[in-house]
Amino acid sequence: MNQGAGKYIIFIGLIIIIVGIIVYFFNGSLKWFGRLPGDVNIKKENYSFHFPWVTMLVISVVVTLIINIIRRFL
């Protein structure tokens, strides 16, 4: 491995730690996450289906922005 790969591993670890701290301390205020407008939620008598596609889109945009910021400064 080279030093560049080591830097990316360190930053990924820091991001995981930050997300873990946010989820641990702000668990009650994150109940809206996964229930955004546009997320598909179907409930029938013996069947339920939940597909959070808007939530996944938001996560994708945020992760893309974070990666681009990291790449710009490294």
C-alpha atoms as a PDB file:
ATOM      1  CA  MET A   1       0.000   0.000   0.000  1.00  0.00           C
ATOM      2  CA  ASN A   2       1.086   3.536  -0.562  1.00  0.00           C
ATOM      3  CA  GLN A   3       0.578   6.676   1.522  1.00  0.00           C
ATOM      4  CA  GLY A   4      -2.358   7.864  -0.593  1.00  0.00           C
ATOM      5  CA  ALA A   5      -4.366   4.759   0.249  1.00  0.00           C
ATOM      6  CA  GLY A   6      -3.516   5.239   3.916  1.00  0.00           C
ATOM      7  CA  LYS A   7      -4.876   8.796   3.848  1.00  0.00           C
ATOM      8  CA  TYR A   8      -8.156   7.615   2.336  1.00  0.00           C
ATOM      9  CA  ILE A   9      -8.510   4.872   4.939  1.00  0.00           C
ATOM     10  CA  ILE A  10      -7.928   7.385   7.743  1.00  0.00           C
ATOM     11  CA  PHE A  11     -10.528   9.806   6.326  1.00  0.00           C
ATOM     12  CA  ILE A  12     -13.077   7.019   5.858  1.00  0.00           C
ATOM     13  CA  GLY A  13     -12.496   5.983   9.463  1.00  0.00           C
ATOM     14  CA  LEU A  14     -12.990   9.553  10.667  1.00  0.00           C
ATOM     15  CA  ILE A  15     -16.223   9.855   8.702  1.00  0.00           C
ATOM     16  CA  ILE A  16     -17.497   6.595  10.217  1.00  0.00           C
ATOM     17  CA  ILE A  17     -16.640   7.858  13.707  1.00  0.00           C
ATOM     18  CA  ILE A  18     -18.388  11.199  13.096  1.00  0.00           C
ATOM     19  CA  VAL A  19     -21.510   9.474  11.757  1.00  0.00           C
ATOM     20  CA  GLY A  20     -21.479   7.131  14.755  1.00  0.00           C
ATOM     21  CA  ILE A  21     -21.274  10.053  17.190  1.00  0.00           C
ATOM     22  CA  ILE A  22     -24.136  11.836  15.424  1.00  0.00           C
ATOM     23  CA  VAL A  23     -26.333   8.729  15.504  1.00  0.00           C
ATOM     24  CA  TYR A  24     -25.493   8.031  19.157  1.00  0.00           C
ATOM     25  CA  PHE A  25     -26.084  11.520  20.540  1.00  0.00           C
ATOM     26  CA  PHE A  26     -28.843  12.745  18.205  1.00  0.00           C
ATOM     27  CA  ASN A  27     -30.857   9.534  17.827  1.00  0.00           C
ATOM     28  CA  GLY A  28     -34.186  11.125  18.816  1.00  0.00           C
ATOM     29  CA  SER A  29     -33.850  13.976  16.337  1.00  0.00           C
ATOM     30  CA  LEU A  30     -33.066  11.680  13.382  1.00  0.00           C
ATOM     31  CA  LYS A  31     -36.417   9.877  13.271  1.00  0.00           C
ATOM     32  CA  TRP A  32     -37.333  11.706  10.039  1.00  0.00           C
ATOM     33  CA  PHE A  33     -34.400  10.059   8.288  1.00  0.00           C
ATOM     34  CA  GLY A  34     -35.724   7.235   6.130  1.00  0.00           C
ATOM     35  CA  ARG A  35     -39.200   8.766   6.058  1.00  0.00           C
ATOM     36  CA  LEU A  36     -38.668  11.623   3.656  1.00  0.00           C
ATOM     37  CA  PRO A  37     -41.386  12.684   1.234  1.00  0.00           C
ATOM     38  CA  GLY A  38     -41.032  10.510  -1.838  1.00  0.00           C
ATOM     39  CA  ASP A  39     -39.936   7.370  -0.007  1.00  0.00           C
ATOM     40  CA  VAL A  40     -42.125   4.453  -1.064  1.00  0.00           C
ATOM     41  CA  ASN A  41     -44.020   2.824   1.799  1.00  0.00           C
ATOM     42  CA  ILE A  42     -46.723   0.231   1.045  1.00  0.00           C
ATOM     43  CA  LYS A  43     -48.629  -1.478   3.855  1.00  0.00           C
ATOM     44  CA  LYS A  44     -51.193  -4.181   3.210  1.00  0.00           C
ATOM     45  CA  GLU A  45     -52.858  -6.652   5.523  1.00  0.00           C
ATOM     46  CA  ASN A  46     -50.062  -9.264   5.502  1.00  0.00           C
ATOM     47  CA  TYR A  47     -47.415  -7.346   3.591  1.00  0.00           C
ATOM     48  CA  SER A  48     -45.323  -4.235   3.995  1.00  0.00           C
ATOM     49  CA  PHE A  49     -42.736  -2.764   1.653  1.00  0.00           C
ATOM     50  CA  HIS A  50     -40.459   0.211   2.316  1.00  0.00           C
ATOM     51  CA  PHE A  51     -38.092   1.617  -0.303  1.00  0.00           C
ATOM     52  CA  PRO A  52     -36.379   4.852   0.826  1.00  0.00           C
ATOM     53  CA  TRP A  53     -35.199   6.063  -2.577  1.00  0.00           C
ATOM     54  CA  VAL A  54     -35.258   9.798  -1.699  1.00  0.00           C
ATOM     55  CA  THR A  55     -33.236   9.084   1.438  1.00  0.00           C
ATOM     56  CA  MET A  56     -30.716   7.119  -0.632  1.00  0.00           C
ATOM     57  CA  LEU A  57     -30.518  10.018  -3.093  1.00  0.00           C
ATOM     58  CA  VAL A  58     -29.778  12.467  -0.260  1.00  0.00           C
ATOM     59  CA  ILE A  59     -27.088  10.157   1.150  1.00  0.00           C
ATOM     60  CA  SER A  60     -25.532   9.822  -2.307  1.00  0.00           C
ATOM     61  CA  VAL A  61     -25.358  13.592  -2.800  1.00  0.00           C
ATOM     62  CA  VAL A  62     -23.838  14.159   0.661  1.00  0.00           C
ATOM     63  CA  VAL A  63     -21.229  11.414   0.221  1.00  0.00           C
ATOM     64  CA  THR A  64     -20.336  12.730  -3.246  1.00  0.00           C
ATOM     65  CA  LEU A  65     -19.836  16.236  -1.844  1.00  0.00           C
ATOM     66  CA  ILE A  66     -17.665  14.933   0.999  1.00  0.00           C
ATOM     67  CA  ILE A  67     -15.509  12.883  -1.381  1.00  0.00           C
ATOM     68  CA  ASN A  68     -15.073  15.842  -3.744  1.00  0.00           C
ATOM     69  CA  ILE A  69     -14.055  18.121  -0.859  1.00  0.00           C
ATOM     70  CA  ILE A  70     -11.535  15.562   0.390  1.00  0.00           C
ATOM     71  CA  ARG A  71     -10.082  15.061  -3.104  1.00  0.00           C
ATOM     72  CA  ARG A  72      -9.774  18.810  -3.617  1.00  0.00           C
ATOM     73  CA  PHE A  73      -7.684  19.315  -0.473  1.00  0.00           C
ATOM     74  CA  LEU A  74      -5.537  16.174  -0.775  1.00  0.00           C
END
